Amino acid sequence: MTKKRPDIPQEIVDKSMVLCKRKCFWCEKEEATEMHHIDENSQNNNENNLCACCSNCHKKFHTIVPFARNITENELKMRRDNFYYQQSHPTISILKETDTFQKIIIKVEPIKNGKR
């Protein structure tokens, strides 16, 4: 007889979804629709062991490639914590976009009198 997988408490799911603003912490593009157990123990529903992610990234976390540098628990936690921090401090995101925008402007600056 197999153990029934315990449901993740809704309070923890809600907190994770708010912290990530419903965005996948890994790809930062897709909507977070799933909860990943970082230690891959579905019985461990401690909020420090969970992260909200999209289904594509969730599959990556469960894929082990022989002879490759696979994603570690520590890497998952660090990326999750960093992403949550960025989501709670929007100026960081704005600065990132501003830096990119300035680089683009510099690269497309018009040539004047045949000189840059």
PDB file of N, CA and C in Angstrom:
ATOM      1  N   MET A   1       0.838  -1.185   0.000  1.00  0.00           N
ATOM      2  CA  MET A   1       0.000   0.000   0.000  1.00  0.00           C
ATOM      3  C   MET A   1       0.885   1.252   0.000  1.00  0.00           C
ATOM      4  N   THR A   2       0.629   2.162  -0.914  1.00  0.00           N
ATOM      5  CA  THR A   2       1.444   3.372  -1.015  1.00  0.00           C
ATOM      6  C   THR A   2       0.900   4.462  -0.106  1.00  0.00           C
ATOM      7  N   LYS A   3       1.825   5.295   0.364  1.00  0.00           N
ATOM      8  CA  LYS A   3       1.429   6.431   1.197  1.00  0.00           C
ATOM      9  C   LYS A   3       0.688   7.451   0.351  1.00  0.00           C
ATOM     10  N   LYS A   4      -0.387   8.003   0.919  1.00  0.00           N
ATOM     11  CA  LYS A   4      -1.103   9.065   0.220  1.00  0.00           C
ATOM     12  C   LYS A   4      -0.272  10.341   0.328  1.00  0.00           C
ATOM     13  N   ARG A   5      -0.109  10.976  -0.771  1.00  0.00           N
ATOM     14  CA  ARG A   5       0.644  12.226  -0.811  1.00  0.00           C
ATOM     15  C   ARG A   5      -0.175  13.307  -0.098  1.00  0.00           C
ATOM     16  N   PRO A   6       0.392  13.943   0.938  1.00  0.00           N
ATOM     17  CA  PRO A   6      -0.376  14.978   1.639  1.00  0.00           C
ATOM     18  C   PRO A   6      -0.500  16.238   0.780  1.00  0.00           C
ATOM     19  N   ASP A   7      -1.646  16.872   0.871  1.00  0.00           N
ATOM     20  CA  ASP A   7      -1.836  18.132   0.153  1.00  0.00           C
ATOM     21  C   ASP A   7      -0.943  19.200   0.762  1.00  0.00           C
ATOM     22  N   ILE A   8      -0.434  20.072  -0.087  1.00  0.00           N
ATOM     23  CA  ILE A   8       0.326  21.219   0.404  1.00  0.00           C
ATOM     24  C   ILE A   8      -0.701  22.178   1.000  1.00  0.00           C
ATOM     25  N   PRO A   9      -0.497  22.638   2.240  1.00  0.00           N
ATOM     26  CA  PRO A   9      -1.464  23.557   2.843  1.00  0.00           C
ATOM     27  C   PRO A   9      -1.684  24.787   1.952  1.00  0.00           C
ATOM     28  N   GLN A  10      -2.942  25.136   1.758  1.00  0.00           N
ATOM     29  CA  GLN A  10      -3.295  26.248   0.875  1.00  0.00           C
ATOM     30  C   GLN A  10      -2.612  27.548   1.291  1.00  0.00           C
ATOM     31  N   GLU A  11      -2.442  27.738   2.585  1.00  0.00           N
ATOM     32  CA  GLU A  11      -1.780  28.945   3.094  1.00  0.00           C
ATOM     33  C   GLU A  11      -0.351  29.065   2.546  1.00  0.00           C
ATOM     34  N   ILE A  12       0.344  27.947   2.457  1.00  0.00           N
ATOM     35  CA  ILE A  12       1.716  27.940   1.936  1.00  0.00           C
ATOM     36  C   ILE A  12       1.716  28.169   0.423  1.00  0.00           C
ATOM     37  N   VAL A  13       0.787  27.544  -0.286  1.00  0.00           N
ATOM     38  CA  VAL A  13       0.671  27.759  -1.736  1.00  0.00           C
ATOM     39  C   VAL A  13       0.388  29.232  -2.007  1.00  0.00           C
ATOM     40  N   ASP A  14      -0.573  29.803  -1.273  1.00  0.00           N
ATOM     41  CA  ASP A  14      -0.930  31.212  -1.466  1.00  0.00           C
ATOM     42  C   ASP A  14       0.266  32.126  -1.219  1.00  0.00           C
ATOM     43  N   LYS A  15       1.005  31.866  -0.143  1.00  0.00           N
ATOM     44  CA  LYS A  15       2.171  32.697   0.181  1.00  0.00           C
ATOM     45  C   LYS A  15       3.212  32.619  -0.935  1.00  0.00           C
ATOM     46  N   SER A  16       3.473  31.423  -1.428  1.00  0.00           N
ATOM     47  CA  SER A  16       4.447  31.253  -2.512  1.00  0.00           C
ATOM     48  C   SER A  16       4.008  31.984  -3.772  1.00  0.00           C
ATOM     49  N   MET A  17       2.726  31.880  -4.099  1.00  0.00           N
ATOM     50  CA  MET A  17       2.206  32.534  -5.307  1.00  0.00           C
ATOM     51  C   MET A  17       2.279  34.056  -5.192  1.00  0.00           C
ATOM     52  N   VAL A  18       2.052  34.569  -3.993  1.00  0.00           N
ATOM     53  CA  VAL A  18       2.155  36.019  -3.784  1.00  0.00           C
ATOM     54  C   VAL A  18       3.614  36.456  -3.886  1.00  0.00           C
ATOM     55  N   LEU A  19       4.515  35.705  -3.260  1.00  0.00           N
ATOM     56  CA  LEU A  19       5.939  36.064  -3.287  1.00  0.00           C
ATOM     57  C   LEU A  19       6.507  36.099  -4.705  1.00  0.00           C
ATOM     58  N   CYS A  20       6.052  35.187  -5.551  1.00  0.00           N
ATOM     59  CA  CYS A  20       6.591  35.131  -6.919  1.00  0.00           C
ATOM     60  C   CYS A  20       5.702  35.876  -7.918  1.00  0.00           C
ATOM     61  N   LYS A  21       4.627  36.456  -7.421  1.00  0.00           N
ATOM     62  CA  LYS A  21       3.669  37.171  -8.283  1.00  0.00           C
ATOM     63  C   LYS A  21       3.178  36.285  -9.424  1.00  0.00           C
ATOM     64  N   ARG A  22       3.017  34.998  -9.095  1.00  0.00           N
ATOM     65  CA  ARG A  22       2.525  33.974 -10.024  1.00  0.00           C
ATOM     66  C   ARG A  22       3.416  33.790 -11.257  1.00  0.00           C
ATOM     67  N   LYS A  23       4.691  34.120 -11.115  1.00  0.00           N
ATOM     68  CA  LYS A  23       5.663  33.893 -12.188  1.00  0.00           C
ATOM     69  C   LYS A  23       6.594  32.770 -11.770  1.00  0.00           C
ATOM     70  N   CYS A  24       6.987  31.965 -12.729  1.00  0.00           N
ATOM     71  CA  CYS A  24       7.940  30.887 -12.457  1.00  0.00           C
ATOM     72  C   CYS A  24       9.272  31.499 -12.015  1.00  0.00           C
ATOM     73  N   PHE A  25       9.790  31.031 -10.884  1.00  0.00           N
ATOM     74  CA  PHE A  25      11.039  31.593 -10.363  1.00  0.00           C
ATOM     75  C   PHE A  25      12.244  31.198 -11.215  1.00  0.00           C
ATOM     76  N   TRP A  26      12.136  30.149 -12.015  1.00  0.00           N
ATOM     77  CA  TRP A  26      13.285  29.657 -12.779  1.00  0.00           C
ATOM     78  C   TRP A  26      13.418  30.370 -14.121  1.00  0.00           C
ATOM     79  N   CYS A  27      12.368  30.320 -14.943  1.00  0.00           N
ATOM     80  CA  CYS A  27      12.449  30.941 -16.279  1.00  0.00           C
ATOM     81  C   CYS A  27      11.995  32.401 -16.244  1.00  0.00           C
ATOM     82  N   GLU A  28      11.293  32.786 -15.218  1.00  0.00           N
ATOM     83  CA  GLU A  28      10.800  34.153 -15.025  1.00  0.00           C
ATOM     84  C   GLU A  28       9.881  34.618 -16.148  1.00  0.00           C
ATOM     85  N   LYS A  29       9.353  33.693 -16.942  1.00  0.00           N
ATOM     86  CA  LYS A  29       8.498  34.059 -18.072  1.00  0.00           C
ATOM     87  C   LYS A  29       7.107  33.474 -17.943  1.00  0.00           C
ATOM     88  N   GLU A  30       7.058  32.186 -17.667  1.00  0.00           N
ATOM     89  CA  GLU A  30       5.779  31.478 -17.645  1.00  0.00           C
ATOM     90  C   GLU A  30       5.049  31.696 -16.322  1.00  0.00           C
ATOM     91  N   GLU A  31       3.744  31.461 -16.361  1.00  0.00           N
ATOM     92  CA  GLU A  31       2.941  31.545 -15.147  1.00  0.00           C
ATOM     93  C   GLU A  31       3.254  30.348 -14.251  1.00  0.00           C
ATOM     94  N   ALA A  32       3.413  30.620 -12.963  1.00  0.00           N
ATOM     95  CA  ALA A  32       3.646  29.546 -11.999  1.00  0.00           C
ATOM     96  C   ALA A  32       2.325  28.835 -11.737  1.00  0.00           C
ATOM     97  N   THR A  33       2.264  27.559 -12.076  1.00  0.00           N
ATOM     98  CA  THR A  33       1.035  26.786 -11.897  1.00  0.00           C
ATOM     99  C   THR A  33       1.259  25.548 -11.038  1.00  0.00           C
ATOM    100  N   GLU A  34       2.510  25.272 -10.676  1.00  0.00           N
ATOM    101  CA  GLU A  34       2.822  24.061  -9.924  1.00  0.00           C
ATOM    102  C   GLU A  34       3.753  24.387  -8.761  1.00  0.00           C
ATOM    103  N   MET A  35       3.757  23.493  -7.775  1.00  0.00           N
ATOM    104  CA  MET A  35       4.657  23.626  -6.636  1.00  0.00           C
ATOM    105  C   MET A  35       5.664  22.477  -6.694  1.00  0.00           C
ATOM    106  N   HIS A  36       6.940  22.820  -6.619  1.00  0.00           N
ATOM    107  CA  HIS A  36       8.007  21.812  -6.659  1.00  0.00           C
ATOM    108  C   HIS A  36       8.561  21.601  -5.254  1.00  0.00           C
ATOM    109  N   HIS A  37       8.735  20.343  -4.867  1.00  0.00           N
ATOM    110  CA  HIS A  37       9.399  19.988  -3.616  1.00  0.00           C
ATOM    111  C   HIS A  37      10.901  19.949  -3.909  1.00  0.00           C
ATOM    112  N   ILE A  38      11.629  20.873  -3.346  1.00  0.00           N
ATOM    113  CA  ILE A  38      13.051  21.006  -3.643  1.00  0.00           C
ATOM    114  C   ILE A  38      13.821  19.729  -3.308  1.00  0.00           C
ATOM    115  N   ASP A  39      13.499  19.116  -2.181  1.00  0.00           N
ATOM    116  CA  ASP A  39      14.207  17.879  -1.822  1.00  0.00           C
ATOM    117  C   ASP A  39      13.564  16.639  -2.452  1.00  0.00           C
ATOM    118  N   GLU A  40      12.558  16.865  -3.295  1.00  0.00           N
ATOM    119  CA  GLU A  40      11.822  15.822  -4.018  1.00  0.00           C
ATOM    120  C   GLU A  40      11.107  14.837  -3.096  1.00  0.00           C
ATOM    121  N   ASN A  41      10.891  15.244  -1.844  1.00  0.00           N
ATOM    122  CA  ASN A  41      10.122  14.445  -0.891  1.00  0.00           C
ATOM    123  C   ASN A  41       8.728  15.058  -0.805  1.00  0.00           C
ATOM    124  N   SER A  42       7.764  14.421  -1.429  1.00  0.00           N
ATOM    125  CA  SER A  42       6.405  14.975  -1.487  1.00  0.00           C
ATOM    126  C   SER A  42       5.716  15.003  -0.122  1.00  0.00           C
ATOM    127  N   GLN A  43       6.334  14.389   0.874  1.00  0.00           N
ATOM    128  CA  GLN A  43       5.788  14.428   2.241  1.00  0.00           C
ATOM    129  C   GLN A  43       6.241  15.695   2.976  1.00  0.00           C
ATOM    130  N   ASN A  44       7.291  16.337   2.478  1.00  0.00           N
ATOM    131  CA  ASN A  44       7.869  17.509   3.145  1.00  0.00           C
ATOM    132  C   ASN A  44       7.261  18.791   2.576  1.00  0.00           C
ATOM    133  N   ASN A  45       6.199  19.263   3.213  1.00  0.00           N
ATOM    134  CA  ASN A  45       5.517  20.472   2.749  1.00  0.00           C
ATOM    135  C   ASN A  45       5.939  21.723   3.512  1.00  0.00           C
ATOM    136  N   ASN A  46       7.146  21.711   4.047  1.00  0.00           N
ATOM    137  CA  ASN A  46       7.687  22.899   4.691  1.00  0.00           C
ATOM    138  C   ASN A  46       7.874  23.970   3.617  1.00  0.00           C
ATOM    139  N   GLU A  47       7.488  25.209   3.917  1.00  0.00           N
ATOM    140  CA  GLU A  47       7.548  26.246   2.870  1.00  0.00           C
ATOM    141  C   GLU A  47       8.962  26.495   2.347  1.00  0.00           C
ATOM    142  N   ASN A  48       9.988  26.209   3.140  1.00  0.00           N
ATOM    143  CA  ASN A  48      11.366  26.366   2.672  1.00  0.00           C
ATOM    144  C   ASN A  48      11.754  25.270   1.677  1.00  0.00           C
ATOM    145  N   ASN A  49      10.928  24.240   1.577  1.00  0.00           N
ATOM    146  CA  ASN A  49      11.188  23.140   0.653  1.00  0.00           C
ATOM    147  C   ASN A  49      10.360  23.259  -0.625  1.00  0.00           C
ATOM    148  N   LEU A  50       9.622  24.334  -0.773  1.00  0.00           N
ATOM    149  CA  LEU A  50       8.716  24.476  -1.913  1.00  0.00           C
ATOM    150  C   LEU A  50       9.040  25.708  -2.738  1.00  0.00           C
ATOM    151  N   CYS A  51       8.741  25.621  -4.018  1.00  0.00           N
ATOM    152  CA  CYS A  51       8.865  26.788  -4.894  1.00  0.00           C
ATOM    153  C   CYS A  51       7.808  26.687  -5.988  1.00  0.00           C
ATOM    154  N   ALA A  52       7.283  27.833  -6.377  1.00  0.00           N
ATOM    155  CA  ALA A  52       6.255  27.890  -7.419  1.00  0.00           C
ATOM    156  C   ALA A  52       6.944  27.983  -8.777  1.00  0.00           C
ATOM    157  N   CYS A  53       6.491  27.154  -9.718  1.00  0.00           N
ATOM    158  CA  CYS A  53       7.126  27.131 -11.035  1.00  0.00           C
ATOM    159  C   CYS A  53       6.119  26.765 -12.121  1.00  0.00           C
ATOM    160  N   CYS A  54       6.541  26.920 -13.363  1.00  0.00           N
ATOM    161  CA  CYS A  54       5.705  26.508 -14.495  1.00  0.00           C
ATOM    162  C   CYS A  54       5.911  25.007 -14.731  1.00  0.00           C
ATOM    163  N   SER A  55       5.033  24.409 -15.501  1.00  0.00           N
ATOM    164  CA  SER A  55       5.126  22.957 -15.724  1.00  0.00           C
ATOM    165  C   SER A  55       6.386  22.571 -16.504  1.00  0.00           C
ATOM    166  N   ASN A  56       6.825  23.413 -17.447  1.00  0.00           N
ATOM    167  CA  ASN A  56       8.044  23.096 -18.211  1.00  0.00           C
ATOM    168  C   ASN A  56       9.275  23.032 -17.309  1.00  0.00           C
ATOM    169  N   CYS A  57       9.419  24.033 -16.455  1.00  0.00           N
ATOM    170  CA  CYS A  57      10.578  24.047 -15.554  1.00  0.00           C
ATOM    171  C   CYS A  57      10.466  22.927 -14.523  1.00  0.00           C
ATOM    172  N   HIS A  58       9.251  22.653 -14.066  1.00  0.00           N
ATOM    173  CA  HIS A  58       9.056  21.579 -13.092  1.00  0.00           C
ATOM    174  C   HIS A  58       9.566  20.253 -13.650  1.00  0.00           C
ATOM    175  N   LYS A  59       9.322  20.013 -14.920  1.00  0.00           N
ATOM    176  CA  LYS A  59       9.820  18.785 -15.556  1.00  0.00           C
ATOM    177  C   LYS A  59      11.349  18.758 -15.555  1.00  0.00           C
ATOM    178  N   LYS A  60      11.973  19.916 -15.803  1.00  0.00           N
ATOM    179  CA  LYS A  60      13.443  19.992 -15.805  1.00  0.00           C
ATOM    180  C   LYS A  60      14.019  19.588 -14.449  1.00  0.00           C
ATOM    181  N   PHE A  61      13.341  20.005 -13.377  1.00  0.00           N
ATOM    182  CA  PHE A  61      13.860  19.721 -12.035  1.00  0.00           C
ATOM    183  C   PHE A  61      13.860  18.227 -11.739  1.00  0.00           C
ATOM    184  N   HIS A  62      13.005  17.476 -12.418  1.00  0.00           N
ATOM    185  CA  HIS A  62      12.907  16.037 -12.187  1.00  0.00           C
ATOM    186  C   HIS A  62      13.661  15.226 -13.241  1.00  0.00           C
ATOM    187  N   THR A  63      14.414  15.908 -14.089  1.00  0.00           N
ATOM    188  CA  THR A  63      15.172  15.227 -15.138  1.00  0.00           C
ATOM    189  C   THR A  63      16.641  15.168 -14.739  1.00  0.00           C
ATOM    190  N   ILE A  64      17.183  13.975 -14.729  1.00  0.00           N
ATOM    191  CA  ILE A  64      18.601  13.802 -14.420  1.00  0.00           C
ATOM    192  C   ILE A  64      19.305  13.377 -15.700  1.00  0.00           C
ATOM    193  N   VAL A  65      20.305  14.139 -16.072  1.00  0.00           N
ATOM    194  CA  VAL A  65      21.073  13.851 -17.280  1.00  0.00           C
ATOM    195  C   VAL A  65      22.420  13.278 -16.846  1.00  0.00           C
ATOM    196  N   PRO A  66      22.720  12.047 -17.261  1.00  0.00           N
ATOM    197  CA  PRO A  66      24.009  11.449 -16.881  1.00  0.00           C
ATOM    198  C   PRO A  66      25.191  12.300 -17.363  1.00  0.00           C
ATOM    199  N   PHE A  67      26.194  12.422 -16.523  1.00  0.00           N
ATOM    200  CA  PHE A  67      27.436  13.143 -16.833  1.00  0.00           C
ATOM    201  C   PHE A  67      27.236  14.645 -17.028  1.00  0.00           C
ATOM    202  N   ALA A  68      26.112  15.175 -16.591  1.00  0.00           N
ATOM    203  CA  ALA A  68      25.853  16.618 -16.717  1.00  0.00           C
ATOM    204  C   ALA A  68      25.781  17.235 -15.326  1.00  0.00           C
ATOM    205  N   ARG A  69      25.906  18.532 -15.289  1.00  0.00           N
ATOM    206  CA  ARG A  69      25.737  19.246 -14.021  1.00  0.00           C
ATOM    207  C   ARG A  69      24.241  19.468 -13.821  1.00  0.00           C
ATOM    208  N   ASN A  70      23.634  18.603 -13.045  1.00  0.00           N
ATOM    209  CA  ASN A  70      22.202  18.684 -12.812  1.00  0.00           C
ATOM    210  C   ASN A  70      21.890  19.768 -11.782  1.00  0.00           C
ATOM    211  N   ILE A  71      20.654  20.199 -11.758  1.00  0.00           N
ATOM    212  CA  ILE A  71      20.215  21.259 -10.850  1.00  0.00           C
ATOM    213  C   ILE A  71      20.210  20.711  -9.423  1.00  0.00           C
ATOM    214  N   THR A  72      20.878  21.429  -8.522  1.00  0.00           N
ATOM    215  CA  THR A  72      20.976  20.975  -7.131  1.00  0.00           C
ATOM    216  C   THR A  72      19.920  21.648  -6.256  1.00  0.00           C
ATOM    217  N   GLU A  73      19.685  21.070  -5.082  1.00  0.00           N
ATOM    218  CA  GLU A  73      18.746  21.657  -4.120  1.00  0.00           C
ATOM    219  C   GLU A  73      19.194  23.061  -3.737  1.00  0.00           C
ATOM    220  N   ASN A  74      20.482  23.215  -3.492  1.00  0.00           N
ATOM    221  CA  ASN A  74      21.007  24.515  -3.089  1.00  0.00           C
ATOM    222  C   ASN A  74      20.796  25.560  -4.186  1.00  0.00           C
ATOM    223  N   GLU A  75      21.040  25.182  -5.426  1.00  0.00           N
ATOM    224  CA  GLU A  75      20.832  26.104  -6.551  1.00  0.00           C
ATOM    225  C   GLU A  75      19.366  26.515  -6.641  1.00  0.00           C
ATOM    226  N   LEU A  76      18.459  25.559  -6.480  1.00  0.00           N
ATOM    227  CA  LEU A  76      17.025  25.868  -6.519  1.00  0.00           C
ATOM    228  C   LEU A  76      16.653  26.872  -5.437  1.00  0.00           C
ATOM    229  N   LYS A  77      17.131  26.638  -4.218  1.00  0.00           N
ATOM    230  CA  LYS A  77      16.802  27.534  -3.103  1.00  0.00           C
ATOM    231  C   LYS A  77      17.369  28.928  -3.322  1.00  0.00           C
ATOM    232  N   MET A  78      18.610  28.995  -3.791  1.00  0.00           N
ATOM    233  CA  MET A  78      19.229  30.304  -4.017  1.00  0.00           C
ATOM    234  C   MET A  78      18.495  31.078  -5.109  1.00  0.00           C
ATOM    235  N   ARG A  79      18.153  30.407  -6.209  1.00  0.00           N
ATOM    236  CA  ARG A  79      17.431  31.087  -7.297  1.00  0.00           C
ATOM    237  C   ARG A  79      16.050  31.523  -6.846  1.00  0.00           C
ATOM    238  N   ARG A  80      15.371  30.643  -6.091  1.00  0.00           N
ATOM    239  CA  ARG A  80      14.040  30.987  -5.581  1.00  0.00           C
ATOM    240  C   ARG A  80      14.121  32.213  -4.675  1.00  0.00           C
ATOM    241  N   ASP A  81      15.033  32.195  -3.713  1.00  0.00           N
ATOM    242  CA  ASP A  81      15.152  33.303  -2.766  1.00  0.00           C
ATOM    243  C   ASP A  81      15.524  34.600  -3.468  1.00  0.00           C
ATOM    244  N   ASN A  82      16.430  34.522  -4.432  1.00  0.00           N
ATOM    245  CA  ASN A  82      16.821  35.699  -5.199  1.00  0.00           C
ATOM    246  C   ASN A  82      15.637  36.242  -5.998  1.00  0.00           C
ATOM    247  N   PHE A  83      14.864  35.355  -6.614  1.00  0.00           N
ATOM    248  CA  PHE A  83      13.701  35.770  -7.399  1.00  0.00           C
ATOM    249  C   PHE A  83      12.648  36.414  -6.505  1.00  0.00           C
ATOM    250  N   TYR A  84      12.377  35.812  -5.347  1.00  0.00           N
ATOM    251  CA  TYR A  84      11.397  36.387  -4.418  1.00  0.00           C
ATOM    252  C   TYR A  84      11.854  37.781  -3.979  1.00  0.00           C
ATOM    253  N   TYR A  85      13.154  37.927  -3.728  1.00  0.00           N
ATOM    254  CA  TYR A  85      13.688  39.229  -3.328  1.00  0.00           C
ATOM    255  C   TYR A  85      13.475  40.261  -4.439  1.00  0.00           C
ATOM    256  N   GLN A  86      13.776  39.892  -5.666  1.00  0.00           N
ATOM    257  CA  GLN A  86      13.590  40.810  -6.797  1.00  0.00           C
ATOM    258  C   GLN A  86      12.126  41.208  -6.951  1.00  0.00           C
ATOM    259  N   GLN A  87      11.227  40.258  -6.732  1.00  0.00           N
ATOM    260  CA  GLN A  87       9.802  40.553  -6.869  1.00  0.00           C
ATOM    261  C   GLN A  87       9.328  41.519  -5.792  1.00  0.00           C
ATOM    262  N   SER A  88       9.945  41.471  -4.614  1.00  0.00           N
ATOM    263  CA  SER A  88       9.535  42.357  -3.524  1.00  0.00           C
ATOM    264  C   SER A  88      10.271  43.697  -3.551  1.00  0.00           C
ATOM    265  N   HIS A  89      11.248  43.842  -4.429  1.00  0.00           N
ATOM    266  CA  HIS A  89      12.008  45.082  -4.586  1.00  0.00           C
ATOM    267  C   HIS A  89      11.999  45.475  -6.063  1.00  0.00           C
ATOM    268  N   PRO A  90      10.891  46.042  -6.548  1.00  0.00           N
ATOM    269  CA  PRO A  90      10.746  46.304  -7.989  1.00  0.00           C
ATOM    270  C   PRO A  90      11.787  47.238  -8.583  1.00  0.00           C
ATOM    271  N   THR A  91      12.453  48.047  -7.789  1.00  0.00           N
ATOM    272  CA  THR A  91      13.460  48.946  -8.355  1.00  0.00           C
ATOM    273  C   THR A  91      14.592  48.159  -8.994  1.00  0.00           C
ATOM    274  N   ILE A  92      14.873  46.977  -8.497  1.00  0.00           N
ATOM    275  CA  ILE A  92      15.926  46.144  -9.085  1.00  0.00           C
ATOM    276  C   ILE A  92      15.563  45.799 -10.524  1.00  0.00           C
ATOM    277  N   SER A  93      14.311  45.404 -10.749  1.00  0.00           N
ATOM    278  CA  SER A  93      13.861  45.068 -12.100  1.00  0.00           C
ATOM    279  C   SER A  93      13.920  46.290 -13.007  1.00  0.00           C
ATOM    280  N   ILE A  94      13.517  47.436 -12.494  1.00  0.00           N
ATOM    281  CA  ILE A  94      13.529  48.663 -13.293  1.00  0.00           C
ATOM    282  C   ILE A  94      14.965  49.009 -13.678  1.00  0.00           C
ATOM    283  N   LEU A  95      15.895  48.888 -12.741  1.00  0.00           N
ATOM    284  CA  LEU A  95      17.295  49.181 -13.046  1.00  0.00           C
ATOM    285  C   LEU A  95      17.826  48.241 -14.116  1.00  0.00           C
ATOM    286  N   LYS A  96      17.455  46.981 -14.037  1.00  0.00           N
ATOM    287  CA  LYS A  96      17.898  46.023 -15.048  1.00  0.00           C
ATOM    288  C   LYS A  96      17.416  46.460 -16.427  1.00  0.00           C
ATOM    289  N   GLU A  97      16.130  46.812 -16.526  1.00  0.00           N
ATOM    290  CA  GLU A  97      15.569  47.221 -17.808  1.00  0.00           C
ATOM    291  C   GLU A  97      16.211  48.518 -18.288  1.00  0.00           C
ATOM    292  N   THR A  98      16.468  49.445 -17.379  1.00  0.00           N
ATOM    293  CA  THR A  98      17.090  50.710 -17.747  1.00  0.00           C
ATOM    294  C   THR A  98      18.494  50.469 -18.289  1.00  0.00           C
ATOM    295  N   ASP A  99      19.266  49.611 -17.628  1.00  0.00           N
ATOM    296  CA  ASP A  99      20.617  49.299 -18.102  1.00  0.00           C
ATOM    297  C   ASP A  99      20.578  48.737 -19.517  1.00  0.00           C
ATOM    298  N   THR A 100      19.665  47.826 -19.772  1.00  0.00           N
ATOM    299  CA  THR A 100      19.529  47.229 -21.100  1.00  0.00           C
ATOM    300  C   THR A 100      19.154  48.291 -22.114  1.00  0.00           C
ATOM    301  N   PHE A 101      18.205  49.139 -21.757  1.00  0.00           N
ATOM    302  CA  PHE A 101      17.740  50.185 -22.658  1.00  0.00           C
ATOM    303  C   PHE A 101      18.882  51.143 -22.986  1.00  0.00           C
ATOM    304  N   GLN A 102      19.688  51.528 -22.006  1.00  0.00           N
ATOM    305  CA  GLN A 102      20.811  52.429 -22.256  1.00  0.00           C
ATOM    306  C   GLN A 102      21.825  51.783 -23.195  1.00  0.00           C
ATOM    307  N   LYS A 103      22.064  50.513 -23.035  1.00  0.00           N
ATOM    308  CA  LYS A 103      23.008  49.820 -23.912  1.00  0.00           C
ATOM    309  C   LYS A 103      22.493  49.820 -25.344  1.00  0.00           C
ATOM    310  N   ILE A 104      21.207  49.630 -25.507  1.00  0.00           N
ATOM    311  CA  ILE A 104      20.611  49.640 -26.845  1.00  0.00           C
ATOM    312  C   ILE A 104      20.754  51.023 -27.463  1.00  0.00           C
ATOM    313  N   ILE A 105      20.490  52.058 -26.696  1.00  0.00           N
ATOM    314  CA  ILE A 105      20.599  53.428 -27.210  1.00  0.00           C
ATOM    315  C   ILE A 105      22.033  53.706 -27.657  1.00  0.00           C
ATOM    316  N   ILE A 106      22.986  53.308 -26.861  1.00  0.00           N
ATOM    317  CA  ILE A 106      24.390  53.529 -27.207  1.00  0.00           C
ATOM    318  C   ILE A 106      24.737  52.805 -28.508  1.00  0.00           C
ATOM    319  N   LYS A 107      24.235  51.607 -28.694  1.00  0.00           N
ATOM    320  CA  LYS A 107      24.551  50.828 -29.885  1.00  0.00           C
ATOM    321  C   LYS A 107      23.900  51.384 -31.144  1.00  0.00           C
ATOM    322  N   VAL A 108      22.764  52.045 -31.042  1.00  0.00           N
ATOM    323  CA  VAL A 108      22.079  52.539 -32.237  1.00  0.00           C
ATOM    324  C   VAL A 108      22.215  54.049 -32.401  1.00  0.00           C
ATOM    325  N   GLU A 109      23.167  54.626 -31.701  1.00  0.00           N
ATOM    326  CA  GLU A 109      23.393  56.059 -31.814  1.00  0.00           C
ATOM    327  C   GLU A 109      23.772  56.400 -33.259  1.00  0.00           C
ATOM    328  N   PRO A 110      23.142  57.413 -33.830  1.00  0.00           N
ATOM    329  CA  PRO A 110      23.403  57.737 -35.239  1.00  0.00           C
ATOM    330  C   PRO A 110      24.829  58.251 -35.470  1.00  0.00           C
ATOM    331  N   ILE A 111      25.315  58.017 -36.663  1.00  0.00           N
ATOM    332  CA  ILE A 111      26.638  58.500 -37.063  1.00  0.00           C
ATOM    333  C   ILE A 111      26.469  59.936 -37.553  1.00  0.00           C
ATOM    334  N   LYS A 112      27.295  60.847 -37.025  1.00  0.00           N
ATOM    335  CA  LYS A 112      27.214  62.262 -37.402  1.00  0.00           C
ATOM    336  C   LYS A 112      28.480  62.644 -38.158  1.00  0.00           C
ATOM    337  N   ASN A 113      28.307  63.187 -39.340  1.00  0.00           N
ATOM    338  CA  ASN A 113      29.439  63.618 -40.170  1.00  0.00           C
ATOM    339  C   ASN A 113      30.453  62.492 -40.394  1.00  0.00           C
ATOM    340  N   GLY A 114      29.954  61.292 -40.563  1.00  0.00           N
ATOM    341  CA  GLY A 114      30.823  60.151 -40.824  1.00  0.00           C
ATOM    342  C   GLY A 114      31.601  59.677 -39.619  1.00  0.00           C
ATOM    343  N   LYS A 115      31.334  60.251 -38.426  1.00  0.00           N
ATOM    344  CA  LYS A 115      32.035  59.854 -37.200  1.00  0.00           C
ATOM    345  C   LYS A 115      31.019  59.380 -36.177  1.00  0.00           C
ATOM    346  N   ARG A 116      31.486  58.545 -35.294  1.00  0.00           N
ATOM    347  CA  ARG A 116      30.624  58.070 -34.194  1.00  0.00           C
ATOM    348  C   ARG A 116      30.806  58.917 -32.992  1.00  0.00           C
TER     349      ARG A 116
END
